[in-house]
């Protein structure tokens, strides 16, 4: 069972004290204070809002964070910016936000690593249920196995057959340990007896993709979003997507199930979460603002063009996903024999 280093939001964060208002004079003095407080909240954020991405720049989480940050800034009238804190399989960034003050200035752009890591690591710097208040779910993206056209293979079966002849001459690039692209690469190697094929793990999806483009690796396992323009241009050859269905504007790339791998479905989700001590009113406001943004046809079209499928869900619905997927990934990780020491 995974042990958590976090001791819970209540023991780590300062609560907000409230003065008791006693007597008519005190009540009379309190009214202007309440009005000022309400006015300040209505104008929020007066200070910049930071969206922490627990991966390096250029990957799918960074792409969607910057799209959402720009839309939130326009909708809320304040400054919203993205800060990348990659490393540790996304644990560094997630742990950072878990320990951040709940003052409404810092939130997390989480990916599927949020639900994978509790089964992957011996210890974590966060508790997914105690240290965060879920704001909303944003979008999902299938993953894709891709190669350079010069490799001369057109299907996953052809790649596997080629790699089996000399597995030590082949390697696969992935984003950080615990991401769904990294897990699916290990599952593929396990199922096909390709333990000799090295996995090259990068700090972010953008760097993993650049390794394929630069010829450092022969196969890339990554989220569709950053690979999408290269697949459309023919710079890369998509062998299979790992969603439940083919991607709408890449109809020639089959799913892994269609390619002959039953139950091989991996997707990467993105969601916004705040430190647990953040004001519930602010969390609700961010939820409402973000869901309204995601409901706009132009935003849905923009995200779809970059390889995301909008899955606008409330914070409550997102935590239902977390509770559902944690045991699912625990089973996948156990069967694949994957474990990382913290």
C-alpha atoms as a PDB file:
ATOM      1  CA  UNK A   1       0.000   0.000   0.000  1.00  0.00           C
ATOM      2  CA  UNK A   2       1.263   3.436  -0.840  1.00  0.00           C
ATOM      3  CA  UNK A   3       2.228   5.574   2.124  1.00  0.00           C
ATOM      4  CA  UNK A   4       1.838   9.321   1.995  1.00  0.00           C
ATOM      5  CA  UNK A   5       4.232  11.880   3.406  1.00  0.00           C
ATOM      6  CA  UNK A   6       1.532  14.524   3.616  1.00  0.00           C
ATOM      7  CA  UNK A   7      -0.071  14.960   7.008  1.00  0.00           C
ATOM      8  CA  UNK A   8      -3.257  16.502   5.666  1.00  0.00           C
ATOM      9  CA  UNK A   9      -4.246  20.034   4.871  1.00  0.00           C
ATOM     10  CA  UNK A  10      -5.570  20.779   8.317  1.00  0.00           C
ATOM     11  CA  UNK A  11      -2.253  20.196  10.086  1.00  0.00           C
ATOM     12  CA  UNK A  12      -0.170  22.082   7.544  1.00  0.00           C
ATOM     13  CA  UNK A  13      -2.101  25.141   6.611  1.00  0.00           C
ATOM     14  CA  UNK A  14      -3.251  28.106   8.576  1.00  0.00           C
ATOM     15  CA  UNK A  15      -6.969  28.508   8.944  1.00  0.00           C
ATOM     16  CA  UNK A  16      -8.646  31.880   8.492  1.00  0.00           C
ATOM     17  CA  UNK A  17      -9.744  33.285  11.851  1.00  0.00           C
ATOM     18  CA  UNK A  18     -13.049  35.132  12.156  1.00  0.00           C
ATOM     19  CA  UNK A  19     -13.810  37.743  14.804  1.00  0.00           C
ATOM     20  CA  UNK A  20     -16.999  37.401  16.739  1.00  0.00           C
ATOM     21  CA  UNK A  21     -19.190  40.421  16.221  1.00  0.00           C
ATOM     22  CA  UNK A  22     -20.737  41.371  19.550  1.00  0.00           C
ATOM     23  CA  UNK A  23     -23.113  44.228  20.269  1.00  0.00           C
ATOM     24  CA  UNK A  24     -24.862  46.756  18.068  1.00  0.00           C
ATOM     25  CA  UNK A  25     -21.824  49.058  17.810  1.00  0.00           C
ATOM     26  CA  UNK A  26     -19.641  46.192  16.637  1.00  0.00           C
ATOM     27  CA  UNK A  27     -22.259  45.183  14.099  1.00  0.00           C
ATOM     28  CA  UNK A  28     -22.404  48.741  12.828  1.00  0.00           C
ATOM     29  CA  UNK A  29     -18.655  48.847  12.396  1.00  0.00           C
ATOM     30  CA  UNK A  30     -18.623  45.448  10.736  1.00  0.00           C
ATOM     31  CA  UNK A  31     -20.855  46.411   7.818  1.00  0.00           C
ATOM     32  CA  UNK A  32     -18.228  48.439   5.876  1.00  0.00           C
ATOM     33  CA  UNK A  33     -15.698  45.637   6.475  1.00  0.00           C
ATOM     34  CA  UNK A  34     -18.065  43.063   4.975  1.00  0.00           C
ATOM     35  CA  UNK A  35     -18.757  45.328   2.001  1.00  0.00           C
ATOM     36  CA  UNK A  36     -15.049  45.829   1.357  1.00  0.00           C
ATOM     37  CA  UNK A  37     -14.440  42.087   1.601  1.00  0.00           C
ATOM     38  CA  UNK A  38     -17.275  41.332  -0.834  1.00  0.00           C
ATOM     39  CA  UNK A  39     -16.046  43.994  -3.227  1.00  0.00           C
ATOM     40  CA  UNK A  40     -12.499  42.615  -3.080  1.00  0.00           C
ATOM     41  CA  UNK A  41     -13.723  39.114  -3.857  1.00  0.00           C
ATOM     42  CA  UNK A  42     -15.862  40.370  -6.729  1.00  0.00           C
ATOM     43  CA  UNK A  43     -12.760  41.972  -8.262  1.00  0.00           C
ATOM     44  CA  UNK A  44     -10.639  38.869  -7.706  1.00  0.00           C
ATOM     45  CA  UNK A  45      -7.965  38.063  -8.672  1.00  0.00           C
ATOM     46  CA  UNK A  46      -6.250  41.250  -7.596  1.00  0.00           C
ATOM     47  CA  UNK A  47      -2.993  39.303  -7.558  1.00  0.00           C
ATOM     48  CA  UNK A  48      -1.706  37.039 -10.360  1.00  0.00           C
ATOM     49  CA  UNK A  49      -3.035  33.485 -10.523  1.00  0.00           C
ATOM     50  CA  UNK A  50      -0.334  30.904 -11.155  1.00  0.00           C
ATOM     51  CA  UNK A  51      -1.122  27.600 -12.871  1.00  0.00           C
ATOM     52  CA  UNK A  52       1.607  25.116 -11.967  1.00  0.00           C
ATOM     53  CA  UNK A  53       2.303  22.463 -14.606  1.00  0.00           C
ATOM     54  CA  UNK A  54       4.158  19.490 -13.131  1.00  0.00           C
ATOM     55  CA  UNK A  55       5.988  18.831 -16.409  1.00  0.00           C
ATOM     56  CA  UNK A  56       8.471  20.624 -18.634  1.00  0.00           C
ATOM     57  CA  UNK A  57       7.403  23.077 -21.359  1.00  0.00           C
ATOM     58  CA  UNK A  58       6.170  21.863 -24.726  1.00  0.00           C
ATOM     59  CA  UNK A  59       4.215  18.804 -23.610  1.00  0.00           C
ATOM     60  CA  UNK A  60       0.440  18.320 -23.637  1.00  0.00           C
ATOM     61  CA  UNK A  61      -0.151  19.589 -20.095  1.00  0.00           C
ATOM     62  CA  UNK A  62       1.840  22.733 -20.878  1.00  0.00           C
ATOM     63  CA  UNK A  63      -0.095  23.271 -24.135  1.00  0.00           C
ATOM     64  CA  UNK A  64      -3.528  23.074 -22.536  1.00  0.00           C
ATOM     65  CA  UNK A  65      -2.440  25.070 -19.469  1.00  0.00           C
ATOM     66  CA  UNK A  66      -1.416  27.993 -21.654  1.00  0.00           C
ATOM     67  CA  UNK A  67      -4.637  27.855 -23.661  1.00  0.00           C
ATOM     68  CA  UNK A  68      -6.751  27.814 -20.496  1.00  0.00           C
ATOM     69  CA  UNK A  69      -4.615  30.469 -18.769  1.00  0.00           C
ATOM     70  CA  UNK A  70      -5.168  32.910 -21.629  1.00  0.00           C
ATOM     71  CA  UNK A  71      -8.919  32.265 -21.613  1.00  0.00           C
ATOM     72  CA  UNK A  72      -9.187  32.618 -17.825  1.00  0.00           C
ATOM     73  CA  UNK A  73      -7.218  35.856 -17.904  1.00  0.00           C
ATOM     74  CA  UNK A  74      -9.626  37.291 -20.456  1.00  0.00           C
ATOM     75  CA  UNK A  75     -12.681  36.075 -18.534  1.00  0.00           C
ATOM     76  CA  UNK A  76     -11.565  37.122 -15.038  1.00  0.00           C
ATOM     77  CA  UNK A  77      -9.735  40.320 -15.860  1.00  0.00           C
ATOM     78  CA  UNK A  78      -6.618  39.552 -13.843  1.00  0.00           C
ATOM     79  CA  UNK A  79      -3.226  38.092 -14.664  1.00  0.00           C
ATOM     80  CA  UNK A  80      -2.989  34.315 -15.124  1.00  0.00           C
ATOM     81  CA  UNK A  81       0.342  32.704 -15.951  1.00  0.00           C
ATOM     82  CA  UNK A  82       1.855  29.221 -16.254  1.00  0.00           C
ATOM     83  CA  UNK A  83       4.861  27.999 -14.275  1.00  0.00           C
ATOM     84  CA  UNK A  84       6.515  24.669 -15.110  1.00  0.00           C
ATOM     85  CA  UNK A  85       7.806  22.564 -12.229  1.00  0.00           C
ATOM     86  CA  UNK A  86       8.740  19.256 -13.834  1.00  0.00           C
ATOM     87  CA  UNK A  87      10.691  16.329 -12.450  1.00  0.00           C
ATOM     88  CA  UNK A  88      10.144  13.355 -10.173  1.00  0.00           C
ATOM     89  CA  UNK A  89       7.476  11.857 -12.421  1.00  0.00           C
ATOM     90  CA  UNK A  90       5.380  15.010 -11.851  1.00  0.00           C
ATOM     91  CA  UNK A  91       5.638  14.573  -8.069  1.00  0.00           C
ATOM     92  CA  UNK A  92       7.717  17.728  -7.597  1.00  0.00           C
ATOM     93  CA  UNK A  93       5.085  20.024  -9.070  1.00  0.00           C
ATOM     94  CA  UNK A  94       2.150  18.236  -7.462  1.00  0.00           C
ATOM     95  CA  UNK A  95       3.851  18.241  -4.068  1.00  0.00           C
ATOM     96  CA  UNK A  96       4.646  21.934  -4.454  1.00  0.00           C
ATOM     97  CA  UNK A  97       0.985  22.851  -4.952  1.00  0.00           C
ATOM     98  CA  UNK A  98      -0.097  20.509  -2.151  1.00  0.00           C
ATOM     99  CA  UNK A  99       2.067  22.550   0.225  1.00  0.00           C
ATOM    100  CA  UNK A 100       1.188  25.959  -1.240  1.00  0.00           C
ATOM    101  CA  UNK A 101      -0.839  28.512   0.682  1.00  0.00           C
ATOM    102  CA  UNK A 102      -4.545  28.284  -0.020  1.00  0.00           C
ATOM    103  CA  UNK A 103      -4.714  31.996  -0.835  1.00  0.00           C
ATOM    104  CA  UNK A 104      -6.133  31.667  -4.335  1.00  0.00           C
ATOM    105  CA  UNK A 105      -2.864  32.491  -6.112  1.00  0.00           C
ATOM    106  CA  UNK A 106      -1.688  28.967  -6.971  1.00  0.00           C
ATOM    107  CA  UNK A 107      -3.471  26.053  -8.637  1.00  0.00           C
ATOM    108  CA  UNK A 108      -2.340  22.813 -10.275  1.00  0.00           C
ATOM    109  CA  UNK A 109      -2.819  21.584 -13.815  1.00  0.00           C
ATOM    110  CA  UNK A 110      -2.880  17.839 -13.121  1.00  0.00           C
ATOM    111  CA  UNK A 111      -2.608  14.949 -15.558  1.00  0.00           C
ATOM    112  CA  UNK A 112      -3.231  11.238 -15.197  1.00  0.00           C
ATOM    113  CA  UNK A 113      -0.013  11.025 -13.153  1.00  0.00           C
ATOM    114  CA  UNK A 114      -2.156  12.323 -10.282  1.00  0.00           C
ATOM    115  CA  UNK A 115      -3.989   8.976 -10.099  1.00  0.00           C
ATOM    116  CA  UNK A 116      -1.144   6.759 -11.328  1.00  0.00           C
ATOM    117  CA  UNK A 117       1.606   7.782  -8.916  1.00  0.00           C
ATOM    118  CA  UNK A 118      -0.055   6.536  -5.701  1.00  0.00           C
ATOM    119  CA  UNK A 119       0.391   2.980  -7.058  1.00  0.00           C
ATOM    120  CA  UNK A 120       3.780   3.614  -8.624  1.00  0.00           C
ATOM    121  CA  UNK A 121       5.811   5.213  -5.834  1.00  0.00           C
ATOM    122  CA  UNK A 122       6.587   4.005  -2.327  1.00  0.00           C
ATOM    123  CA  UNK A 123       5.934   7.462  -0.924  1.00  0.00           C
ATOM    124  CA  UNK A 124       4.410  10.641  -2.304  1.00  0.00           C
ATOM    125  CA  UNK A 125       4.650  14.334  -1.405  1.00  0.00           C
ATOM    126  CA  UNK A 126       0.870  14.637  -1.660  1.00  0.00           C
ATOM    127  CA  UNK A 127      -2.359  12.842  -0.793  1.00  0.00           C
ATOM    128  CA  UNK A 128      -4.766  13.009  -3.757  1.00  0.00           C
ATOM    129  CA  UNK A 129      -7.824  13.046  -1.518  1.00  0.00           C
ATOM    130  CA  UNK A 130      -6.695  15.248   1.385  1.00  0.00           C
ATOM    131  CA  UNK A 131      -4.360  17.846  -0.073  1.00  0.00           C
ATOM    132  CA  UNK A 132      -6.451  19.268  -2.918  1.00  0.00           C
ATOM    133  CA  UNK A 133      -9.823  20.764  -3.768  1.00  0.00           C
ATOM    134  CA  UNK A 134     -10.807  19.760  -7.293  1.00  0.00           C
ATOM    135  CA  UNK A 135     -11.859  22.658  -9.524  1.00  0.00           C
ATOM    136  CA  UNK A 136     -12.857  20.877 -12.718  1.00  0.00           C
ATOM    137  CA  UNK A 137     -11.785  18.472 -15.422  1.00  0.00           C
ATOM    138  CA  UNK A 138     -10.704  19.960 -18.721  1.00  0.00           C
ATOM    139  CA  UNK A 139     -10.008  17.491 -21.492  1.00  0.00           C
ATOM    140  CA  UNK A 140      -8.542  14.137 -22.408  1.00  0.00           C
ATOM    141  CA  UNK A 141      -6.179  13.107 -25.153  1.00  0.00           C
ATOM    142  CA  UNK A 142      -5.418   9.641 -26.487  1.00  0.00           C
ATOM    143  CA  UNK A 143      -1.805   8.618 -26.741  1.00  0.00           C
ATOM    144  CA  UNK A 144      -0.060   7.613 -29.945  1.00  0.00           C
ATOM    145  CA  UNK A 145       2.786   5.309 -30.912  1.00  0.00           C
ATOM    146  CA  UNK A 146       4.777   7.031 -33.650  1.00  0.00           C
ATOM    147  CA  UNK A 147       7.893   6.433 -35.736  1.00  0.00           C
ATOM    148  CA  UNK A 148       9.758   8.279 -38.448  1.00  0.00           C
ATOM    149  CA  UNK A 149       8.673   7.259 -41.961  1.00  0.00           C
ATOM    150  CA  UNK A 150      12.270   6.329 -42.806  1.00  0.00           C
ATOM    151  CA  UNK A 151      12.036   3.338 -40.458  1.00  0.00           C
ATOM    152  CA  UNK A 152       9.950   1.647 -43.126  1.00  0.00           C
ATOM    153  CA  UNK A 153       7.139   0.235 -40.982  1.00  0.00           C
ATOM    154  CA  UNK A 154       3.446   1.027 -41.395  1.00  0.00           C
ATOM    155  CA  UNK A 155       1.791  -0.861 -38.516  1.00  0.00           C
ATOM    156  CA  UNK A 156       2.449  -1.727 -34.885  1.00  0.00           C
ATOM    157  CA  UNK A 157       2.747  -5.395 -35.832  1.00  0.00           C
ATOM    158  CA  UNK A 158       5.476  -4.543 -38.337  1.00  0.00           C
ATOM    159  CA  UNK A 159       7.340  -2.486 -35.752  1.00  0.00           C
ATOM    160  CA  UNK A 160       7.136  -5.232 -33.119  1.00  0.00           C
ATOM    161  CA  UNK A 161       8.359  -7.840 -35.603  1.00  0.00           C
ATOM    162  CA  UNK A 162      11.304  -5.612 -36.555  1.00  0.00           C
ATOM    163  CA  UNK A 163      12.176  -4.796 -32.946  1.00  0.00           C
ATOM    164  CA  UNK A 164      12.070  -8.471 -31.920  1.00  0.00           C
ATOM    165  CA  UNK A 165      14.887  -9.246 -34.370  1.00  0.00           C
ATOM    166  CA  UNK A 166      17.294  -6.886 -32.567  1.00  0.00           C
ATOM    167  CA  UNK A 167      15.599  -5.415 -29.473  1.00  0.00           C
ATOM    168  CA  UNK A 168      18.883  -3.989 -28.178  1.00  0.00           C
ATOM    169  CA  UNK A 169      19.053  -1.739 -31.252  1.00  0.00           C
ATOM    170  CA  UNK A 170      15.641  -0.194 -30.585  1.00  0.00           C
ATOM    171  CA  UNK A 171      14.441   2.187 -27.912  1.00  0.00           C
ATOM    172  CA  UNK A 172      11.304   4.121 -27.089  1.00  0.00           C
ATOM    173  CA  UNK A 173      10.980   7.648 -25.735  1.00  0.00           C
ATOM    174  CA  UNK A 174       8.316   8.525 -23.185  1.00  0.00           C
ATOM    175  CA  UNK A 175       7.324  11.390 -20.884  1.00  0.00           C
ATOM    176  CA  UNK A 176       8.000  10.988 -17.131  1.00  0.00           C
ATOM    177  CA  UNK A 177       7.560   7.760 -15.214  1.00  0.00           C
ATOM    178  CA  UNK A 178       3.924   7.313 -14.225  1.00  0.00           C
ATOM    179  CA  UNK A 179       2.434   9.064 -17.229  1.00  0.00           C
ATOM    180  CA  UNK A 180       0.083   6.945 -19.292  1.00  0.00           C
ATOM    181  CA  UNK A 181       2.465   6.993 -22.318  1.00  0.00           C
ATOM    182  CA  UNK A 182       5.261   5.629 -20.136  1.00  0.00           C
ATOM    183  CA  UNK A 183       3.020   2.934 -18.679  1.00  0.00           C
ATOM    184  CA  UNK A 184       1.680   1.834 -22.046  1.00  0.00           C
ATOM    185  CA  UNK A 185       5.223   1.502 -23.405  1.00  0.00           C
ATOM    186  CA  UNK A 186       6.101  -0.827 -20.529  1.00  0.00           C
ATOM    187  CA  UNK A 187       2.886  -2.806 -21.031  1.00  0.00           C
ATOM    188  CA  UNK A 188       3.712  -3.213 -24.734  1.00  0.00           C
ATOM    189  CA  UNK A 189       7.236  -4.402 -23.929  1.00  0.00           C
ATOM    190  CA  UNK A 190       5.901  -6.819 -21.323  1.00  0.00           C
ATOM    191  CA  UNK A 191       3.251  -8.309 -23.612  1.00  0.00           C
ATOM    192  CA  UNK A 192       5.579  -8.673 -26.596  1.00  0.00           C
ATOM    193  CA  UNK A 193       8.747  -9.834 -24.821  1.00  0.00           C
ATOM    194  CA  UNK A 194      10.682  -6.676 -25.705  1.00  0.00           C
ATOM    195  CA  UNK A 195      12.463  -6.236 -22.392  1.00  0.00           C
ATOM    196  CA  UNK A 196      15.691  -5.590 -24.310  1.00  0.00           C
ATOM    197  CA  UNK A 197      14.214  -2.466 -25.916  1.00  0.00           C
ATOM    198  CA  UNK A 198      15.329   0.457 -23.768  1.00  0.00           C
ATOM    199  CA  UNK A 199      12.862   3.030 -22.471  1.00  0.00           C
ATOM    200  CA  UNK A 200      14.271   6.563 -22.568  1.00  0.00           C
ATOM    201  CA  UNK A 201      12.285   8.667 -20.110  1.00  0.00           C
ATOM    202  CA  UNK A 202      12.252  12.434 -20.536  1.00  0.00           C
ATOM    203  CA  UNK A 203      11.123  15.239 -18.246  1.00  0.00           C
ATOM    204  CA  UNK A 204       8.254  16.136 -20.561  1.00  0.00           C
ATOM    205  CA  UNK A 205       6.298  15.021 -23.599  1.00  0.00           C
ATOM    206  CA  UNK A 206       7.801  17.705 -25.804  1.00  0.00           C
ATOM    207  CA  UNK A 207      11.337  16.491 -25.144  1.00  0.00           C
ATOM    208  CA  UNK A 208      10.330  12.856 -25.699  1.00  0.00           C
ATOM    209  CA  UNK A 209       8.875  13.771 -29.076  1.00  0.00           C
ATOM    210  CA  UNK A 210      11.960  15.760 -30.060  1.00  0.00           C
ATOM    211  CA  UNK A 211      14.057  12.651 -29.388  1.00  0.00           C
ATOM    212  CA  UNK A 212      12.109  10.826 -32.092  1.00  0.00           C
ATOM    213  CA  UNK A 213      12.273  13.758 -34.493  1.00  0.00           C
ATOM    214  CA  UNK A 214      16.018  13.991 -33.921  1.00  0.00           C
ATOM    215  CA  UNK A 215      16.575  10.276 -34.512  1.00  0.00           C
ATOM    216  CA  UNK A 216      17.714   9.509 -30.959  1.00  0.00           C
ATOM    217  CA  UNK A 217      14.975   6.880 -30.572  1.00  0.00           C
ATOM    218  CA  UNK A 218      13.065   4.684 -33.001  1.00  0.00           C
ATOM    219  CA  UNK A 219       9.627   4.776 -31.326  1.00  0.00           C
ATOM    220  CA  UNK A 220       7.758   7.433 -29.400  1.00  0.00           C
ATOM    221  CA  UNK A 221       4.977   6.744 -26.933  1.00  0.00           C
ATOM    222  CA  UNK A 222       3.317  10.054 -26.164  1.00  0.00           C
ATOM    223  CA  UNK A 223       0.153  12.065 -25.875  1.00  0.00           C
ATOM    224  CA  UNK A 224      -1.423  12.892 -29.229  1.00  0.00           C
ATOM    225  CA  UNK A 225      -1.518  16.678 -28.771  1.00  0.00           C
ATOM    226  CA  UNK A 226       2.168  17.595 -29.329  1.00  0.00           C
ATOM    227  CA  UNK A 227       2.569  14.951 -32.065  1.00  0.00           C
ATOM    228  CA  UNK A 228      -0.567  15.987 -33.942  1.00  0.00           C
ATOM    229  CA  UNK A 229       0.954  18.610 -36.296  1.00  0.00           C
ATOM    230  CA  UNK A 230       3.818  16.267 -37.222  1.00  0.00           C
ATOM    231  CA  UNK A 231       1.395  13.431 -37.937  1.00  0.00           C
ATOM    232  CA  UNK A 232      -0.748  15.694 -40.109  1.00  0.00           C
ATOM    233  CA  UNK A 233       2.307  16.925 -42.003  1.00  0.00           C
ATOM    234  CA  UNK A 234       3.669  13.420 -42.525  1.00  0.00           C
ATOM    235  CA  UNK A 235       6.875  14.181 -40.644  1.00  0.00           C
ATOM    236  CA  UNK A 236       5.973  11.320 -38.300  1.00  0.00           C
ATOM    237  CA  UNK A 237       4.093   8.107 -38.973  1.00  0.00           C
ATOM    238  CA  UNK A 238       1.401   7.183 -36.458  1.00  0.00           C
ATOM    239  CA  UNK A 239       1.219   3.426 -35.911  1.00  0.00           C
ATOM    240  CA  UNK A 240      -1.688   3.354 -33.459  1.00  0.00           C
ATOM    241  CA  UNK A 241      -3.653   5.564 -31.089  1.00  0.00           C
ATOM    242  CA  UNK A 242      -4.544   4.269 -27.653  1.00  0.00           C
ATOM    243  CA  UNK A 243      -8.014   5.763 -27.281  1.00  0.00           C
ATOM    244  CA  UNK A 244     -11.287   3.921 -27.578  1.00  0.00           C
ATOM    245  CA  UNK A 245     -11.750   5.190 -31.134  1.00  0.00           C
ATOM    246  CA  UNK A 246      -9.749   6.662 -33.984  1.00  0.00           C
ATOM    247  CA  UNK A 247      -8.959  10.370 -33.872  1.00  0.00           C
ATOM    248  CA  UNK A 248     -11.372  12.325 -36.060  1.00  0.00           C
ATOM    249  CA  UNK A 249      -8.850  13.941 -38.423  1.00  0.00           C
ATOM    250  CA  UNK A 250      -6.353  11.047 -38.417  1.00  0.00           C
ATOM    251  CA  UNK A 251      -8.678   8.318 -39.714  1.00  0.00           C
ATOM    252  CA  UNK A 252      -5.872   6.170 -41.138  1.00  0.00           C
ATOM    253  CA  UNK A 253      -4.301   5.526 -37.728  1.00  0.00           C
ATOM    254  CA  UNK A 254      -6.007   2.527 -36.065  1.00  0.00           C
ATOM    255  CA  UNK A 255      -6.552   2.066 -32.358  1.00  0.00           C
ATOM    256  CA  UNK A 256      -4.372  -0.432 -30.510  1.00  0.00           C
ATOM    257  CA  UNK A 257      -7.438  -2.639 -30.069  1.00  0.00           C
ATOM    258  CA  UNK A 258      -7.993  -2.604 -33.826  1.00  0.00           C
ATOM    259  CA  UNK A 259      -4.297  -3.355 -34.305  1.00  0.00           C
ATOM    260  CA  UNK A 260      -4.659  -6.557 -32.304  1.00  0.00           C
ATOM    261  CA  UNK A 261      -4.030  -5.663 -28.655  1.00  0.00           C
ATOM    262  CA  UNK A 262      -7.197  -6.304 -26.609  1.00  0.00           C
ATOM    263  CA  UNK A 263      -7.943  -3.937 -23.692  1.00  0.00           C
ATOM    264  CA  UNK A 264      -5.101  -1.624 -24.709  1.00  0.00           C
ATOM    265  CA  UNK A 265      -6.768   1.710 -23.965  1.00  0.00           C
ATOM    266  CA  UNK A 266      -4.773   4.539 -22.377  1.00  0.00           C
ATOM    267  CA  UNK A 267      -5.743   8.211 -22.300  1.00  0.00           C
ATOM    268  CA  UNK A 268      -4.287  11.232 -20.556  1.00  0.00           C
ATOM    269  CA  UNK A 269      -6.674  13.582 -18.789  1.00  0.00           C
ATOM    270  CA  UNK A 270      -6.081  17.120 -17.562  1.00  0.00           C
ATOM    271  CA  UNK A 271      -7.749  18.825 -14.608  1.00  0.00           C
ATOM    272  CA  UNK A 272      -7.408  21.868 -12.364  1.00  0.00           C
ATOM    273  CA  UNK A 273      -7.003  21.522  -8.597  1.00  0.00           C
ATOM    274  CA  UNK A 274      -6.314  23.976  -5.800  1.00  0.00           C
ATOM    275  CA  UNK A 275      -4.602  23.475  -2.423  1.00  0.00           C
ATOM    276  CA  UNK A 276      -7.114  22.052   0.057  1.00  0.00           C
ATOM    277  CA  UNK A 277      -7.226  25.222   2.175  1.00  0.00           C
ATOM    278  CA  UNK A 278      -8.323  27.406  -0.752  1.00  0.00           C
ATOM    279  CA  UNK A 279     -11.599  29.243  -0.220  1.00  0.00           C
ATOM    280  CA  UNK A 280     -14.546  27.112  -1.431  1.00  0.00           C
ATOM    281  CA  UNK A 281     -16.038  30.276  -2.934  1.00  0.00           C
ATOM    282  CA  UNK A 282     -12.950  30.816  -5.067  1.00  0.00           C
ATOM    283  CA  UNK A 283     -12.850  27.153  -6.105  1.00  0.00           C
ATOM    284  CA  UNK A 284     -16.499  27.376  -7.173  1.00  0.00           C
ATOM    285  CA  UNK A 285     -15.868  30.574  -9.096  1.00  0.00           C
ATOM    286  CA  UNK A 286     -12.933  29.043 -10.961  1.00  0.00           C
ATOM    287  CA  UNK A 287     -15.037  25.966 -11.682  1.00  0.00           C
ATOM    288  CA  UNK A 288     -17.857  28.084 -13.124  1.00  0.00           C
ATOM    289  CA  UNK A 289     -15.529  30.316 -15.155  1.00  0.00           C
ATOM    290  CA  UNK A 290     -13.566  27.393 -16.596  1.00  0.00           C
ATOM    291  CA  UNK A 291     -16.622  25.297 -17.457  1.00  0.00           C
ATOM    292  CA  UNK A 292     -18.135  28.327 -19.196  1.00  0.00           C
ATOM    293  CA  UNK A 293     -14.942  28.721 -21.222  1.00  0.00           C
ATOM    294  CA  UNK A 294     -14.950  25.042 -22.198  1.00  0.00           C
ATOM    295  CA  UNK A 295     -18.574  25.306 -23.329  1.00  0.00           C
ATOM    296  CA  UNK A 296     -17.693  27.861 -26.004  1.00  0.00           C
ATOM    297  CA  UNK A 297     -17.663  26.299 -29.502  1.00  0.00           C
ATOM    298  CA  UNK A 298     -14.511  28.195 -30.459  1.00  0.00           C
ATOM    299  CA  UNK A 299     -12.651  26.844 -27.422  1.00  0.00           C
ATOM    300  CA  UNK A 300     -13.792  23.277 -28.104  1.00  0.00           C
ATOM    301  CA  UNK A 301     -12.662  23.620 -31.716  1.00  0.00           C
ATOM    302  CA  UNK A 302      -9.304  25.034 -30.659  1.00  0.00           C
ATOM    303  CA  UNK A 303      -8.636  22.222 -28.213  1.00  0.00           C
ATOM    304  CA  UNK A 304      -9.753  19.583 -30.702  1.00  0.00           C
ATOM    305  CA  UNK A 305      -7.363  20.997 -33.309  1.00  0.00           C
ATOM    306  CA  UNK A 306      -4.476  20.580 -30.861  1.00  0.00           C
ATOM    307  CA  UNK A 307      -5.347  16.958 -30.055  1.00  0.00           C
ATOM    308  CA  UNK A 308      -7.614  17.273 -27.016  1.00  0.00           C
ATOM    309  CA  UNK A 309     -11.200  16.147 -26.547  1.00  0.00           C
ATOM    310  CA  UNK A 310     -13.075  18.416 -24.155  1.00  0.00           C
ATOM    311  CA  UNK A 311     -14.416  16.546 -21.118  1.00  0.00           C
ATOM    312  CA  UNK A 312     -15.822  19.431 -19.094  1.00  0.00           C
ATOM    313  CA  UNK A 313     -16.657  17.990 -15.695  1.00  0.00           C
ATOM    314  CA  UNK A 314     -17.153  19.494 -12.260  1.00  0.00           C
ATOM    315  CA  UNK A 315     -14.681  19.108  -9.438  1.00  0.00           C
ATOM    316  CA  UNK A 316     -16.937  16.490  -7.843  1.00  0.00           C
ATOM    317  CA  UNK A 317     -17.091  14.499 -11.069  1.00  0.00           C
ATOM    318  CA  UNK A 318     -13.344  14.697 -11.397  1.00  0.00           C
ATOM    319  CA  UNK A 319     -12.807  13.207  -7.951  1.00  0.00           C
ATOM    320  CA  UNK A 320     -15.144  10.386  -8.942  1.00  0.00           C
ATOM    321  CA  UNK A 321     -12.738   9.704 -11.815  1.00  0.00           C
ATOM    322  CA  UNK A 322      -9.813   9.718  -9.385  1.00  0.00           C
ATOM    323  CA  UNK A 323     -11.525   7.186  -7.130  1.00  0.00           C
ATOM    324  CA  UNK A 324     -12.384   5.001 -10.133  1.00  0.00           C
ATOM    325  CA  UNK A 325      -9.025   5.077 -11.926  1.00  0.00           C
ATOM    326  CA  UNK A 326      -6.636   4.638  -9.002  1.00  0.00           C
ATOM    327  CA  UNK A 327      -7.448   0.930  -8.540  1.00  0.00           C
ATOM    328  CA  UNK A 328      -7.481   0.447 -12.327  1.00  0.00           C
ATOM    329  CA  UNK A 329      -3.925   1.747 -12.682  1.00  0.00           C
ATOM    330  CA  UNK A 330      -2.847  -0.181  -9.585  1.00  0.00           C
ATOM    331  CA  UNK A 331      -3.838  -3.343 -11.440  1.00  0.00           C
ATOM    332  CA  UNK A 332      -2.032  -2.278 -14.640  1.00  0.00           C
ATOM    333  CA  UNK A 333       1.149  -1.413 -12.737  1.00  0.00           C
ATOM    334  CA  UNK A 334       1.069  -4.657 -10.766  1.00  0.00           C
ATOM    335  CA  UNK A 335       0.625  -6.819 -13.853  1.00  0.00           C
ATOM    336  CA  UNK A 336       3.399  -4.991 -15.698  1.00  0.00           C
ATOM    337  CA  UNK A 337       5.707  -5.323 -12.699  1.00  0.00           C
ATOM    338  CA  UNK A 338       6.479  -1.600 -12.595  1.00  0.00           C
ATOM    339  CA  UNK A 339       7.592   0.042  -9.346  1.00  0.00           C
ATOM    340  CA  UNK A 340       9.620   3.149  -8.610  1.00  0.00           C
ATOM    341  CA  UNK A 341      11.409   3.859  -5.346  1.00  0.00           C
ATOM    342  CA  UNK A 342      10.925   7.394  -4.110  1.00  0.00           C
END
